[in-house]
Amino acid sequence: MTRLPAYRSLIPRYLEDQIREDLSSKMVFISGPRQVGKTTLARMLAPKNSRYLNWDVEEDRQRILHQEIPQESFLIFDEVHKFNRWRNYLKGMFDAHREHKQILVTGSARLDYYRYSGDSLQGRYHLHRLHPLSVAELGLTTDKDFDALLRLGGFPEPFFSGSQRQAQRWRRDYQQRYVYEEVTALEQSQQLTHMQLLMERLPRLVGSPLSINGLREDLQLAHATVTKWLDIFERMYMIFRLPPFGSDRIKAVKKEQKHYHYDWGIVDDEAARLENLVACHLLKWVHAMQDGEGEDYDLTYFRDRTGREVDFVVTLNKRPKLAIEVKSTERDISKHLVYFKRKFPEVRAIQVHMKGHRAFTSKDDVQVMSWKPLLSELV
């Protein structure tokens, strides 16, 4: 039997209670970036009478291929989506043993990507997406602690190391292993060197509309190839992309997407890294509302044809609820945020600064605050 790896710096994760509740009636799928803490979370949830099976381990893979049914009442399957018949395998096990077995499935690829019309697993599972550690989850209150999170990133190993050097070493190994192991396991590619170059180029473009044509020209690749690789990176939780918010009230751009990294520590420019951190915190909250509450929240950004831009717009049922502009220091209120607030007076508009502690509401009804009150409201 495969042993669960040892883990340290154990803290309760924000999904624990919801997953326990969901396991009482259905299978639970936990997806998220590699090394974000999925296996640790599974161990925290597992009772003594449990079995962990990892598709990447030969012994476990053979048990799955031979459809051996473990005797334990709590079953954890890791990376089983790499098995081409995994849906039918889990469907059969759940249908036959749902009364006396709980099934938890984890994976570093987007398990929601595998949903499709007529999915044999439909109605048999709940999906939760696990995100890196955040201000609210860690209970951070000081600027020093926030600075550590900003520098080291929200993945458990580099953050809890407390060392910039160790975080850099982890990050270098993480990127290489992701491209050469995880990506090729999902999508065979003969151009791994070019794929690595694309991955190294992306952090410099955080926060700006992503031009596939520009990337294509820089790397001397076909448009279709760059598009395909970006889709793979997103599917594997390396990056996420935000669409522009559109409405009849504004002349918004319709196609230009922005991208961010789940590991914001990879971004060198401090202002862009701050924006990336806030993007990750907001997406974590949006996914928690989607997965746990069934609410139709989405994370977008605003940009119109004249160049006015607001960093983030959170929508509910396609209607804007929250607009956020991120600044490194205390500055004058963004005219673009004021414009958006006037167009959508019902929206809560916030300008958040990461250095300084001023907090007030402007005459245009824009709230100005530091990182702490905003990020502590999330998950």
Protein backbone atom coordinates (compact mmCIF):
# COMPACT_ATOMS: atom_id res chain seq x y z
CA MET A 1 0.00 0.00 0.00
CA THR A 2 1.30 3.47 -0.90
CA ARG A 3 2.05 5.61 2.12
CA LEU A 4 0.92 9.19 2.26
CA PRO A 5 3.97 11.48 2.41
CA ALA A 6 4.94 13.19 5.62
CA TYR A 7 3.89 16.82 5.86
CA ARG A 8 4.64 19.72 8.10
CA SER A 9 3.27 23.13 8.99
CA LEU A 10 -0.15 21.55 9.16
CA ILE A 11 -2.95 24.11 9.20
CA PRO A 12 -6.67 23.60 8.63
CA ARG A 13 -7.54 24.19 4.99
CA TYR A 14 -10.54 26.27 4.02
CA LEU A 15 -12.29 23.43 2.15
CA GLU A 16 -12.27 20.83 4.94
CA ASP A 17 -15.79 21.29 6.33
CA GLN A 18 -17.42 21.54 2.90
CA ILE A 19 -15.67 18.41 1.64
CA ARG A 20 -16.67 16.39 4.71
CA GLU A 21 -20.28 17.43 4.17
CA ASP A 22 -20.18 16.55 0.46
CA LEU A 23 -18.58 13.13 1.07
CA SER A 24 -21.68 12.05 2.97
CA SER A 25 -23.66 11.86 -0.27
CA LYS A 26 -21.31 11.86 -3.29
CA MET A 27 -17.74 11.43 -4.45
CA VAL A 28 -15.57 14.51 -4.08
CA PHE A 29 -12.99 15.63 -6.64
CA ILE A 30 -10.21 17.98 -5.50
CA SER A 31 -8.19 19.55 -8.29
CA GLY A 32 -5.55 22.22 -8.18
CA PRO A 33 -1.92 23.01 -8.95
CA ARG A 34 0.79 20.52 -8.23
CA GLN A 35 2.14 20.77 -4.63
CA VAL A 36 -0.68 23.07 -3.52
CA GLY A 37 -1.57 20.65 -0.70
CA LYS A 38 -4.14 18.25 -2.17
CA THR A 39 -2.54 15.10 -0.73
CA THR A 40 -2.02 16.77 2.64
CA LEU A 41 -5.68 17.81 2.68
CA ALA A 42 -6.72 14.26 1.76
CA ARG A 43 -4.65 12.93 4.67
CA MET A 44 -6.26 15.40 7.05
CA LEU A 45 -9.72 14.23 5.94
CA ALA A 46 -8.98 10.50 5.92
CA PRO A 47 -9.96 8.31 8.90
CA LYS A 48 -7.79 5.40 10.04
CA ASN A 49 -9.65 2.96 7.81
CA SER A 50 -8.51 4.51 4.53
CA ARG A 51 -6.51 3.59 1.41
CA TYR A 52 -4.49 5.92 -0.82
CA LEU A 53 -3.90 4.88 -4.45
CA ASN A 54 -1.70 6.94 -6.75
CA TRP A 55 -1.90 6.27 -10.50
CA ASP A 56 1.75 7.34 -10.88
CA VAL A 57 2.85 4.47 -8.60
CA GLU A 58 3.17 1.17 -10.47
CA GLU A 59 1.76 -1.03 -7.71
CA ASP A 60 -1.29 1.21 -7.29
CA ARG A 61 -1.77 1.52 -11.04
CA GLN A 62 -1.93 -2.27 -11.38
CA ARG A 63 -4.55 -2.48 -8.64
CA ILE A 64 -6.69 0.04 -10.51
CA LEU A 65 -6.17 -1.62 -13.89
CA HIS A 66 -7.21 -4.99 -12.43
CA GLN A 67 -10.20 -3.32 -10.76
CA GLU A 68 -9.27 -4.57 -7.32
CA ILE A 69 -11.67 -3.13 -4.74
CA PRO A 70 -9.87 -2.02 -1.55
CA GLN A 71 -11.50 -3.15 1.67
CA GLU A 72 -11.12 0.20 3.40
CA SER A 73 -14.19 2.42 3.76
CA PHE A 74 -12.41 5.66 2.74
CA LEU A 75 -10.66 5.61 -0.65
CA ILE A 76 -8.35 8.27 -2.06
CA PHE A 77 -7.44 8.16 -5.75
CA ASP A 78 -4.64 10.48 -6.87
CA GLU A 79 -4.04 11.36 -10.57
CA VAL A 80 -6.50 8.65 -11.66
CA HIS A 81 -7.69 10.92 -14.51
CA LYS A 82 -4.57 9.76 -16.41
CA PHE A 83 -6.32 6.38 -16.78
CA ASN A 84 -8.33 6.61 -20.03
CA ARG A 85 -11.27 4.71 -18.51
CA TRP A 86 -11.26 6.51 -15.20
CA ARG A 87 -14.84 7.80 -15.43
CA ASN A 88 -16.37 4.36 -15.89
CA TYR A 89 -14.03 2.90 -13.25
CA LEU A 90 -15.17 5.43 -10.62
CA LYS A 91 -18.80 5.24 -11.72
CA GLY A 92 -18.87 1.47 -11.26
CA MET A 93 -17.19 1.65 -7.87
CA PHE A 94 -19.42 4.43 -6.60
CA ASP A 95 -22.66 2.83 -7.82
CA ALA A 96 -21.75 -0.52 -6.27
CA HIS A 97 -20.35 0.72 -2.96
CA ARG A 98 -21.85 4.15 -2.29
CA GLU A 99 -23.56 2.95 0.89
CA HIS A 100 -20.38 1.92 2.69
CA LYS A 101 -17.46 3.69 0.96
CA GLN A 102 -16.46 7.31 0.66
CA ILE A 103 -14.41 8.23 -2.42
CA LEU A 104 -12.07 11.21 -2.69
CA VAL A 105 -10.30 11.93 -6.00
CA THR A 106 -7.39 14.36 -6.37
CA GLY A 107 -5.56 15.57 -9.47
CA SER A 108 -3.22 18.28 -10.69
CA ALA A 109 -5.12 18.76 -13.95
CA ARG A 110 -8.43 20.58 -14.18
CA LEU A 111 -10.89 17.78 -13.50
CA ASP A 112 -13.72 20.09 -14.53
CA TYR A 113 -12.13 20.13 -18.00
CA TYR A 114 -13.19 16.52 -18.39
CA ARG A 115 -16.86 17.34 -17.97
CA TYR A 116 -18.85 16.94 -21.14
CA SER A 117 -22.39 16.26 -22.27
CA GLY A 118 -23.44 12.79 -21.24
CA ASP A 119 -20.60 12.44 -18.70
CA SER A 120 -21.06 9.07 -17.00
CA LEU A 121 -20.13 10.68 -13.66
CA GLN A 122 -22.77 13.41 -13.88
CA GLY A 123 -24.63 13.83 -10.60
CA ARG A 124 -22.21 11.54 -8.73
CA TYR A 125 -19.58 13.99 -7.50
CA HIS A 126 -18.85 17.47 -6.21
CA LEU A 127 -15.78 19.32 -7.51
CA HIS A 128 -13.62 21.59 -5.37
CA ARG A 129 -10.59 23.53 -6.59
CA LEU A 130 -7.83 23.94 -4.00
CA HIS A 131 -5.84 27.16 -4.17
CA PRO A 132 -2.57 28.32 -2.61
CA LEU A 133 -2.49 29.76 0.90
CA SER A 134 -3.92 33.24 1.34
CA VAL A 135 -4.12 36.11 3.82
CA ALA A 136 -7.45 34.95 5.27
CA GLU A 137 -6.50 31.27 5.45
CA LEU A 138 -3.21 32.06 7.20
CA GLY A 139 -4.72 34.76 9.40
CA LEU A 140 -2.04 37.30 8.46
CA THR A 141 -2.26 40.68 10.17
CA THR A 142 1.13 42.40 9.85
CA ASP A 143 2.89 44.01 6.92
CA LYS A 144 5.91 41.78 7.60
CA ASP A 145 3.84 38.61 7.23
CA PHE A 146 2.15 39.95 4.12
CA ASP A 147 5.51 40.80 2.59
CA ALA A 148 6.66 37.22 3.22
CA LEU A 149 3.57 35.87 1.44
CA LEU A 150 4.16 38.25 -1.46
CA ARG A 151 7.83 37.27 -1.81
CA LEU A 152 7.64 33.53 -1.14
CA GLY A 153 4.28 32.75 -2.76
CA GLY A 154 1.30 30.86 -1.40
CA PHE A 155 2.44 27.27 -2.03
CA PRO A 156 3.03 25.54 1.31
CA GLU A 157 6.64 24.38 0.82
CA PRO A 158 8.26 27.69 -0.18
CA PHE A 159 6.07 29.75 2.15
CA PHE A 160 6.73 27.69 5.25
CA SER A 161 10.44 27.50 4.46
CA GLY A 162 10.61 31.21 5.31
CA SER A 163 13.62 31.47 3.01
CA GLN A 164 13.89 33.39 -0.26
CA ARG A 165 16.74 31.10 -1.31
CA GLN A 166 14.78 27.93 -0.65
CA ALA A 167 11.73 29.40 -2.41
CA GLN A 168 13.82 30.16 -5.50
CA ARG A 169 15.25 26.65 -5.55
CA TRP A 170 11.77 25.16 -5.17
CA ARG A 171 10.39 27.39 -7.91
CA ARG A 172 13.09 26.46 -10.42
CA ASP A 173 12.54 22.74 -9.86
CA TYR A 174 8.76 23.20 -9.86
CA GLN A 175 8.67 24.86 -13.28
CA GLN A 176 10.94 22.29 -14.90
CA ARG A 177 9.07 19.32 -13.47
CA TYR A 178 5.73 20.79 -14.45
CA VAL A 179 6.70 21.17 -18.09
CA TYR A 180 8.70 17.98 -18.48
CA GLU A 181 6.49 15.66 -16.41
CA GLU A 182 2.96 16.94 -15.89
CA VAL A 183 2.41 18.60 -19.26
CA THR A 184 3.84 15.73 -21.30
CA ALA A 185 1.71 13.25 -19.35
CA LEU A 186 -1.36 15.11 -20.56
CA GLU A 187 -0.25 16.20 -24.01
CA GLN A 188 2.70 14.72 -25.90
CA SER A 189 4.92 17.42 -27.35
CA GLN A 190 8.11 17.32 -29.38
CA GLN A 191 8.90 20.98 -28.65
CA LEU A 192 9.49 21.04 -24.91
CA THR A 193 12.30 23.60 -25.19
CA HIS A 194 9.98 26.10 -26.91
CA MET A 195 7.28 25.32 -24.36
CA GLN A 196 9.74 26.09 -21.56
CA LEU A 197 10.62 29.40 -23.26
CA LEU A 198 6.94 30.32 -23.43
CA MET A 199 6.52 29.54 -19.74
CA GLU A 200 9.52 31.75 -18.91
CA ARG A 201 8.16 34.60 -21.05
CA LEU A 202 4.70 34.72 -19.49
CA PRO A 203 5.57 36.18 -16.04
CA ARG A 204 6.81 39.37 -17.72
CA LEU A 205 3.38 39.88 -19.31
CA VAL A 206 1.24 39.60 -16.17
CA GLY A 207 -1.50 42.19 -15.89
CA SER A 208 -1.54 43.24 -19.55
CA PRO A 209 -3.79 41.94 -22.32
CA LEU A 210 -2.14 38.79 -23.62
CA SER A 211 -1.22 38.97 -27.31
CA ILE A 212 -0.92 35.55 -28.86
CA ASN A 213 0.38 37.17 -32.04
CA GLY A 214 3.15 38.85 -30.04
CA LEU A 215 4.12 35.56 -28.41
CA ARG A 216 4.01 33.81 -31.77
CA GLU A 217 6.40 36.33 -33.27
CA ASP A 218 8.76 36.29 -30.27
CA LEU A 219 9.06 32.51 -30.26
CA GLN A 220 8.73 31.95 -34.01
CA LEU A 221 5.85 29.54 -33.54
CA ALA A 222 2.49 29.01 -35.19
CA HIS A 223 -0.52 30.84 -33.73
CA ALA A 224 -2.29 27.50 -33.23
CA THR A 225 0.70 26.12 -31.31
CA VAL A 226 0.85 29.03 -28.86
CA THR A 227 -2.93 28.84 -28.37
CA LYS A 228 -2.74 25.11 -27.70
CA TRP A 229 0.09 25.46 -25.19
CA LEU A 230 -1.66 28.25 -23.29
CA ASP A 231 -4.72 26.02 -23.05
CA ILE A 232 -2.52 23.24 -21.65
CA PHE A 233 -0.92 25.58 -19.10
CA GLU A 234 -4.38 26.66 -17.97
CA ARG A 235 -5.66 23.09 -17.85
CA MET A 236 -2.69 22.13 -15.68
CA TYR A 237 -3.20 25.02 -13.20
CA MET A 238 -0.03 26.84 -14.19
CA ILE A 239 -1.87 30.00 -15.28
CA PHE A 240 -5.41 31.33 -15.38
CA ARG A 241 -6.88 33.86 -17.79
CA LEU A 242 -9.51 36.54 -17.19
CA PRO A 243 -11.94 37.68 -19.87
CA PRO A 244 -12.92 41.34 -20.22
CA PHE A 245 -16.19 42.42 -18.68
CA GLY A 246 -18.66 43.62 -21.29
CA SER A 247 -21.88 45.59 -21.03
CA ASP A 248 -24.10 47.80 -23.18
CA ARG A 249 -23.27 50.68 -20.85
CA ILE A 250 -19.60 50.72 -21.84
CA LYS A 251 -17.59 50.28 -25.04
CA ALA A 252 -15.56 47.40 -23.65
CA VAL A 253 -13.06 45.28 -25.52
CA LYS A 254 -14.47 41.81 -26.09
CA LYS A 255 -11.65 39.38 -26.73
CA GLU A 256 -8.42 40.48 -25.05
CA GLN A 257 -7.68 38.29 -22.04
CA LYS A 258 -5.26 38.92 -19.18
CA HIS A 259 -3.36 36.09 -17.52
CA TYR A 260 -1.94 35.42 -14.07
CA HIS A 261 0.09 32.67 -12.39
CA TYR A 262 -1.07 30.54 -9.46
CA ASP A 263 2.48 30.97 -8.16
CA TRP A 264 2.74 34.75 -7.99
CA GLY A 265 6.29 34.45 -6.66
CA ILE A 266 7.42 33.75 -10.22
CA VAL A 267 6.68 37.38 -11.22
CA ASP A 268 9.74 39.63 -10.82
CA ASP A 269 8.14 43.06 -11.14
CA GLU A 270 6.76 43.98 -7.71
CA ALA A 271 3.71 45.90 -8.94
CA ALA A 272 2.73 43.07 -11.27
CA ARG A 273 3.33 40.53 -8.47
CA LEU A 274 0.99 42.49 -6.18
CA GLU A 275 -1.68 42.48 -8.86
CA ASN A 276 -1.13 38.74 -9.41
CA LEU A 277 -1.47 38.04 -5.67
CA VAL A 278 -4.78 39.90 -5.51
CA ALA A 279 -5.98 38.06 -8.64
CA CYS A 280 -5.23 34.72 -6.96
CA HIS A 281 -7.04 35.74 -3.77
CA LEU A 282 -10.11 36.85 -5.70
CA LEU A 283 -10.18 33.73 -7.88
CA LYS A 284 -9.87 31.54 -4.79
CA TRP A 285 -12.96 33.22 -3.32
CA VAL A 286 -14.87 33.02 -6.63
CA HIS A 287 -14.13 29.31 -6.99
CA ALA A 288 -15.18 28.70 -3.38
CA MET A 289 -18.50 30.39 -4.10
CA GLN A 290 -18.97 28.43 -7.32
CA ASP A 291 -17.97 25.02 -5.92
CA GLY A 292 -19.36 25.28 -2.41
CA GLU A 293 -22.41 27.51 -2.82
CA GLY A 294 -23.36 27.00 -6.47
CA GLU A 295 -23.34 30.75 -7.06
CA ASP A 296 -22.63 32.08 -10.56
CA TYR A 297 -19.71 34.35 -9.64
CA ASP A 298 -16.96 35.13 -12.14
CA LEU A 299 -13.73 37.10 -12.12
CA THR A 300 -13.13 39.47 -15.04
CA TYR A 301 -11.42 42.79 -15.73
CA PHE A 302 -12.52 46.01 -17.41
CA ARG A 303 -10.93 47.64 -20.41
CA ASP A 304 -12.62 49.84 -23.00
CA ARG A 305 -11.62 50.95 -26.47
CA THR A 306 -10.22 54.25 -25.23
CA GLY A 307 -7.75 52.49 -22.89
CA ARG A 308 -9.59 52.93 -19.58
CA GLU A 309 -8.93 49.88 -17.42
CA VAL A 310 -9.85 48.52 -13.98
CA ASP A 311 -7.80 45.58 -12.71
CA PHE A 312 -10.66 43.33 -11.54
CA VAL A 313 -14.43 43.11 -11.80
CA VAL A 314 -16.28 40.39 -9.89
CA THR A 315 -19.66 39.54 -11.39
CA LEU A 316 -22.69 37.64 -10.11
CA ASN A 317 -25.03 36.28 -12.76
CA LYS A 318 -23.04 38.37 -15.29
CA ARG A 319 -23.75 41.61 -13.41
CA PRO A 320 -20.86 43.52 -11.81
CA LYS A 321 -20.79 43.44 -8.00
CA LEU A 322 -17.24 44.50 -7.15
CA ALA A 323 -14.57 46.56 -8.96
CA ILE A 324 -11.00 46.62 -7.63
CA GLU A 325 -7.96 48.65 -8.60
CA VAL A 326 -4.60 47.60 -7.10
CA LYS A 327 -1.85 50.11 -6.29
CA SER A 328 1.56 49.55 -4.73
CA THR A 329 1.37 52.71 -2.60
CA GLU A 330 -1.18 55.30 -1.55
CA ARG A 331 -2.04 57.33 -4.63
CA ASP A 332 -4.78 59.49 -6.07
CA ILE A 333 -7.90 57.51 -6.85
CA SER A 334 -7.88 55.99 -10.32
CA LYS A 335 -9.98 58.00 -12.78
CA HIS A 336 -10.78 54.77 -14.58
CA LEU A 337 -12.24 53.27 -11.40
CA VAL A 338 -14.30 56.42 -10.83
CA TYR A 339 -15.57 56.18 -14.42
CA PHE A 340 -16.60 52.56 -13.90
CA LYS A 341 -18.33 53.44 -10.61
CA ARG A 342 -20.34 56.18 -12.36
CA LYS A 343 -21.41 53.75 -15.06
CA PHE A 344 -22.37 51.15 -12.44
CA PRO A 345 -23.30 53.03 -9.26
CA GLU A 346 -24.56 49.85 -7.60
CA VAL A 347 -21.08 48.30 -7.72
CA ARG A 348 -18.79 48.36 -4.69
CA ALA A 349 -15.62 50.09 -5.92
CA ILE A 350 -12.36 49.62 -4.03
CA GLN A 351 -8.86 50.96 -4.54
CA VAL A 352 -6.48 48.85 -2.49
CA HIS A 353 -2.91 49.85 -1.65
CA MET A 354 -0.26 47.53 -0.30
CA LYS A 355 1.93 50.09 1.49
CA GLY A 356 0.24 52.46 3.91
CA HIS A 357 -2.86 52.23 6.06
CA ARG A 358 -5.15 55.06 4.98
CA ALA A 359 -8.81 54.09 4.81
CA PHE A 360 -11.63 56.36 3.62
CA THR A 361 -14.48 56.68 1.14
CA SER A 362 -14.11 59.31 -1.56
CA LYS A 363 -16.74 61.76 -2.77
CA ASP A 364 -17.24 59.43 -5.75
CA ASP A 365 -18.10 56.56 -3.35
CA VAL A 366 -14.84 54.71 -3.96
CA GLN A 367 -13.47 52.93 -0.91
CA VAL A 368 -9.74 53.29 -0.35
CA MET A 369 -8.12 50.74 1.95
CA SER A 370 -4.99 48.73 2.67
CA TRP A 371 -4.50 45.06 1.81
CA LYS A 372 -5.62 43.76 5.20
CA PRO A 373 -9.38 44.55 5.30
CA LEU A 374 -9.90 43.51 1.67
CA LEU A 375 -7.97 40.25 1.60
CA SER A 376 -9.13 39.22 5.07
CA GLU A 377 -12.73 39.28 3.81
CA LEU A 378 -11.97 36.45 1.39
CA VAL A 379 -11.01 32.81 2.01
